[in-house]
Structure formats: C-alpha cells, structure tokens
Amino acid sequence: MGVHTLAELVGAWGHHVSRLEREARAHPAAGSRERADVWGVYDLIAANYLRDVLEPLMQALGDRERADMRSALDAVDQRFLGFTVPDVHKIVQRIDGGGPRSAWWWNRIPERGPVLDDVAYMLPPGDPDEAG
C-alpha cells in the first residue's frame, strides 16, 4: 500500500459511503445479495476500518488543518448516518470478529439493501438478532 494524504483517505471514505448509499437506495428489496456487482457486509467492514484510520490522523493535525479536514469528514459522516440505522445488536461487529468497538460508525448498518441482505444470509436461522 502506498502513502496517501489525509485528503485522499477522506476521499476514499467518501467513495465507500457513496457506493454503499447508492446501492442501499437502488436495491432496497431482498434478493440483491445474489448480484455479483453489489457490495456486501465485508465492504461495509472495510469502510469502517478506513474510518478507523481517519480519526487518529485527524487528532494529530494542528487546529487550523483539523478544522478544514473535519468539515469534509463531517459531510461524509452525515451522509453515512443518513442511510444507516443503529446496529443495536452489533451484528456487523460480530461478523467482523475483531472484538467490541466503541466508534459510532461500527454501530451503524444500512437500513436496507445488499449489505442488510448479506447480514441476514450470514446469521444462523433463528438468530434473535436476525437482520430485517
């Protein structure tokens, strides 16, 4: 992996959020999981790891630089919040298996679409936390 600027990493988070949002809105009904051209829960997990990288980098910036980058990051975060709902049962974290995380983005899941279909498929039948 090459060296990336913070602006490039914020842009990558924005790209992930845009695609996840677009697919959640374009494929709201069950059955999208069978489509090879849509992203699933592991793509959401990858996006979350990317967002994990951004937070400490933001904190390392000086006040002026942090304010500039925070504005761009907040705009993407708001879009993410707009198509996701609380993952109260921490289903995404359970699928990831990386242990509990307190960052807010790890506690969100798209309210519909291929990621939710993927999650529902991966949970054992009768799981009390079954998505949907």
C-alpha atoms as a PDB file:
ATOM      1  CA  MET A   1       0.000   0.000   0.000  1.00  0.00           C
ATOM      2  CA  GLY A   2       1.402   3.379  -0.971  1.00  0.00           C
ATOM      3  CA  VAL A   3       1.454   6.542   1.068  1.00  0.00           C
ATOM      4  CA  HIS A   4      -1.786   8.513   0.963  1.00  0.00           C
ATOM      5  CA  THR A   5      -2.597  12.009   2.074  1.00  0.00           C
ATOM      6  CA  LEU A   6      -5.299  12.613   4.632  1.00  0.00           C
ATOM      7  CA  ALA A   7      -7.403  14.265   1.930  1.00  0.00           C
ATOM      8  CA  GLU A   8      -7.120  11.097  -0.189  1.00  0.00           C
ATOM      9  CA  LEU A   9      -8.197   8.955   2.759  1.00  0.00           C
ATOM     10  CA  VAL A  10     -11.202  11.209   3.426  1.00  0.00           C
ATOM     11  CA  GLY A  11     -12.000  10.912  -0.283  1.00  0.00           C
ATOM     12  CA  ALA A  12     -11.762   7.121  -0.066  1.00  0.00           C
ATOM     13  CA  TRP A  13     -14.166   7.113   2.908  1.00  0.00           C
ATOM     14  CA  GLY A  14     -16.458   9.311   0.812  1.00  0.00           C
ATOM     15  CA  HIS A  15     -16.258   6.872  -2.106  1.00  0.00           C
ATOM     16  CA  HIS A  16     -17.145   3.927   0.137  1.00  0.00           C
ATOM     17  CA  VAL A  17     -20.054   5.804   1.691  1.00  0.00           C
ATOM     18  CA  SER A  18     -21.336   6.918  -1.727  1.00  0.00           C
ATOM     19  CA  ARG A  19     -21.316   3.404  -3.107  1.00  0.00           C
ATOM     20  CA  LEU A  20     -22.912   1.848  -0.029  1.00  0.00           C
ATOM     21  CA  GLU A  21     -25.580   4.559  -0.025  1.00  0.00           C
ATOM     22  CA  ARG A  22     -26.265   4.289  -3.762  1.00  0.00           C
ATOM     23  CA  GLU A  23     -26.657   0.527  -3.564  1.00  0.00           C
ATOM     24  CA  ALA A  24     -28.866   0.687  -0.475  1.00  0.00           C
ATOM     25  CA  ARG A  25     -31.197   3.063  -2.300  1.00  0.00           C
ATOM     26  CA  ALA A  26     -31.039   1.282  -5.677  1.00  0.00           C
ATOM     27  CA  HIS A  27     -31.545  -2.261  -4.348  1.00  0.00           C
ATOM     28  CA  PRO A  28     -33.836  -1.891  -1.325  1.00  0.00           C
ATOM     29  CA  ALA A  29     -35.593  -5.245  -1.654  1.00  0.00           C
ATOM     30  CA  ALA A  30     -34.352  -8.635  -0.569  1.00  0.00           C
ATOM     31  CA  GLY A  31     -32.556 -10.643  -3.214  1.00  0.00           C
ATOM     32  CA  SER A  32     -29.795  -8.168  -4.012  1.00  0.00           C
ATOM     33  CA  ARG A  33     -27.289 -10.460  -2.302  1.00  0.00           C
ATOM     34  CA  GLU A  34     -27.245 -12.704  -5.366  1.00  0.00           C
ATOM     35  CA  ARG A  35     -25.977  -9.844  -7.532  1.00  0.00           C
ATOM     36  CA  ALA A  36     -22.222 -10.043  -8.053  1.00  0.00           C
ATOM     37  CA  ASP A  37     -21.961  -6.314  -8.764  1.00  0.00           C
ATOM     38  CA  VAL A  38     -23.089  -5.038  -5.334  1.00  0.00           C
ATOM     39  CA  TRP A  39     -21.177  -4.643  -2.111  1.00  0.00           C
ATOM     40  CA  GLY A  40     -21.899  -6.740   0.943  1.00  0.00           C
ATOM     41  CA  VAL A  41     -21.207  -6.624   4.661  1.00  0.00           C
ATOM     42  CA  TYR A  42     -17.458  -7.128   4.261  1.00  0.00           C
ATOM     43  CA  ASP A  43     -17.323  -3.995   2.130  1.00  0.00           C
ATOM     44  CA  LEU A  44     -19.029  -2.123   4.964  1.00  0.00           C
ATOM     45  CA  ILE A  45     -16.470  -3.574   7.360  1.00  0.00           C
ATOM     46  CA  ALA A  46     -13.636  -2.414   5.076  1.00  0.00           C
ATOM     47  CA  ALA A  47     -15.173   1.063   5.033  1.00  0.00           C
ATOM     48  CA  ASN A  48     -15.321   1.022   8.834  1.00  0.00           C
ATOM     49  CA  TYR A  49     -11.632   0.120   9.043  1.00  0.00           C
ATOM     50  CA  LEU A  50     -10.870   3.036   6.738  1.00  0.00           C
ATOM     51  CA  ARG A  51     -12.857   5.341   9.012  1.00  0.00           C
ATOM     52  CA  ASP A  52     -10.890   3.937  11.965  1.00  0.00           C
ATOM     53  CA  VAL A  53      -7.673   5.132  10.325  1.00  0.00           C
ATOM     54  CA  LEU A  54      -9.008   8.656   9.842  1.00  0.00           C
ATOM     55  CA  GLU A  55      -9.853   9.525  13.435  1.00  0.00           C
ATOM     56  CA  PRO A  56      -6.349   9.407  14.966  1.00  0.00           C
ATOM     57  CA  LEU A  57      -4.946  11.176  11.917  1.00  0.00           C
ATOM     58  CA  MET A  58      -7.462  13.968  12.446  1.00  0.00           C
ATOM     59  CA  GLN A  59      -6.420  14.299  16.078  1.00  0.00           C
ATOM     60  CA  ALA A  60      -2.755  14.633  15.063  1.00  0.00           C
ATOM     61  CA  LEU A  61      -3.435  17.722  12.934  1.00  0.00           C
ATOM     62  CA  GLY A  62      -3.000  21.272  14.072  1.00  0.00           C
ATOM     63  CA  ASP A  63      -6.142  23.253  14.890  1.00  0.00           C
ATOM     64  CA  ARG A  64      -6.470  25.001  11.521  1.00  0.00           C
ATOM     65  CA  GLU A  65      -5.800  21.888   9.433  1.00  0.00           C
ATOM     66  CA  ARG A  66      -8.089  19.811  11.636  1.00  0.00           C
ATOM     67  CA  ALA A  67     -10.926  22.311  11.198  1.00  0.00           C
ATOM     68  CA  ASP A  68     -10.567  22.202   7.402  1.00  0.00           C
ATOM     69  CA  MET A  69     -10.440  18.414   7.226  1.00  0.00           C
ATOM     70  CA  ARG A  70     -13.144  17.979   9.878  1.00  0.00           C
ATOM     71  CA  SER A  71     -15.585  19.869   7.688  1.00  0.00           C
ATOM     72  CA  ALA A  72     -15.006  17.472   4.786  1.00  0.00           C
ATOM     73  CA  LEU A  73     -15.106  14.420   7.051  1.00  0.00           C
ATOM     74  CA  ASP A  74     -18.268  15.564   8.823  1.00  0.00           C
ATOM     75  CA  ALA A  75     -20.056  15.918   5.481  1.00  0.00           C
ATOM     76  CA  VAL A  76     -19.296  12.289   4.608  1.00  0.00           C
ATOM     77  CA  ASP A  77     -20.183  11.123   8.116  1.00  0.00           C
ATOM     78  CA  GLN A  78     -23.577  12.837   7.826  1.00  0.00           C
ATOM     79  CA  ARG A  79     -24.256  11.024   4.545  1.00  0.00           C
ATOM     80  CA  PHE A  80     -23.364   7.726   6.246  1.00  0.00           C
ATOM     81  CA  LEU A  81     -25.728   8.493   9.100  1.00  0.00           C
ATOM     82  CA  GLY A  82     -28.454   9.326   6.579  1.00  0.00           C
ATOM     83  CA  PHE A  83     -28.860   5.807   5.157  1.00  0.00           C
ATOM     84  CA  THR A  84     -27.885   3.751   8.183  1.00  0.00           C
ATOM     85  CA  VAL A  85     -29.631   2.869  11.412  1.00  0.00           C
ATOM     86  CA  PRO A  86     -28.265   1.830  14.811  1.00  0.00           C
ATOM     87  CA  ASP A  87     -26.862  -1.693  14.818  1.00  0.00           C
ATOM     88  CA  VAL A  88     -28.161  -2.291  18.333  1.00  0.00           C
ATOM     89  CA  HIS A  89     -27.203  -5.964  18.318  1.00  0.00           C
ATOM     90  CA  LYS A  90     -23.703  -5.207  16.991  1.00  0.00           C
ATOM     91  CA  ILE A  91     -24.236  -7.618  14.110  1.00  0.00           C
ATOM     92  CA  VAL A  92     -21.538  -6.024  11.935  1.00  0.00           C
ATOM     93  CA  GLN A  93     -19.006  -6.286  14.746  1.00  0.00           C
ATOM     94  CA  ARG A  94     -19.961  -9.909  15.343  1.00  0.00           C
ATOM     95  CA  ILE A  95     -19.464 -10.766  11.671  1.00  0.00           C
ATOM     96  CA  ASP A  96     -16.128  -8.941  11.634  1.00  0.00           C
ATOM     97  CA  GLY A  97     -14.983 -10.796  14.732  1.00  0.00           C
ATOM     98  CA  GLY A  98     -12.495  -8.093  15.698  1.00  0.00           C
ATOM     99  CA  GLY A  99     -13.947  -7.528  19.144  1.00  0.00           C
ATOM    100  CA  PRO A 100     -16.059  -4.720  20.563  1.00  0.00           C
ATOM    101  CA  ARG A 101     -15.594  -1.251  19.164  1.00  0.00           C
ATOM    102  CA  SER A 102     -16.915   1.977  20.576  1.00  0.00           C
ATOM    103  CA  ALA A 103     -16.562   4.162  17.473  1.00  0.00           C
ATOM    104  CA  TRP A 104     -20.028   5.234  16.302  1.00  0.00           C
ATOM    105  CA  TRP A 105     -19.535   4.048  12.690  1.00  0.00           C
ATOM    106  CA  TRP A 106     -19.118   0.455  13.918  1.00  0.00           C
ATOM    107  CA  ASN A 107     -22.580   0.708  15.446  1.00  0.00           C
ATOM    108  CA  ARG A 108     -24.434   1.556  12.228  1.00  0.00           C
ATOM    109  CA  ILE A 109     -25.872  -0.626   9.467  1.00  0.00           C
ATOM    110  CA  PRO A 110     -27.699   0.289   6.240  1.00  0.00           C
ATOM    111  CA  GLU A 111     -31.429   0.172   6.824  1.00  0.00           C
ATOM    112  CA  ARG A 112     -31.979  -1.742   3.584  1.00  0.00           C
ATOM    113  CA  GLY A 113     -30.179  -3.093   0.533  1.00  0.00           C
ATOM    114  CA  PRO A 114     -27.440  -5.602  -0.254  1.00  0.00           C
ATOM    115  CA  VAL A 115     -25.454  -5.181   2.972  1.00  0.00           C
ATOM    116  CA  LEU A 116     -28.540  -5.951   5.032  1.00  0.00           C
ATOM    117  CA  ASP A 117     -29.343  -8.902   2.740  1.00  0.00           C
ATOM    118  CA  ASP A 118     -25.809 -10.184   3.228  1.00  0.00           C
ATOM    119  CA  VAL A 119     -26.090  -9.873   7.006  1.00  0.00           C
ATOM    120  CA  ALA A 120     -29.422 -11.718   7.058  1.00  0.00           C
ATOM    121  CA  TYR A 121     -27.897 -14.517   4.966  1.00  0.00           C
ATOM    122  CA  MET A 122     -24.871 -14.859   7.261  1.00  0.00           C
ATOM    123  CA  LEU A 123     -26.767 -15.087  10.537  1.00  0.00           C
ATOM    124  CA  PRO A 124     -27.795 -18.557  11.645  1.00  0.00           C
ATOM    125  CA  PRO A 125     -31.505 -19.325  11.149  1.00  0.00           C
ATOM    126  CA  GLY A 126     -33.476 -18.270  14.200  1.00  0.00           C
ATOM    127  CA  ASP A 127     -30.739 -15.943  15.481  1.00  0.00           C
ATOM    128  CA  PRO A 128     -32.537 -13.480  17.754  1.00  0.00           C
ATOM    129  CA  ASP A 129     -30.522 -10.695  16.148  1.00  0.00           C
ATOM    130  CA  GLU A 130     -31.544 -11.616  12.615  1.00  0.00           C
ATOM    131  CA  ALA A 131     -31.445  -8.511  10.409  1.00  0.00           C
ATOM    132  CA  GLY A 132     -34.508  -7.165   8.732  1.00  0.00           C
END
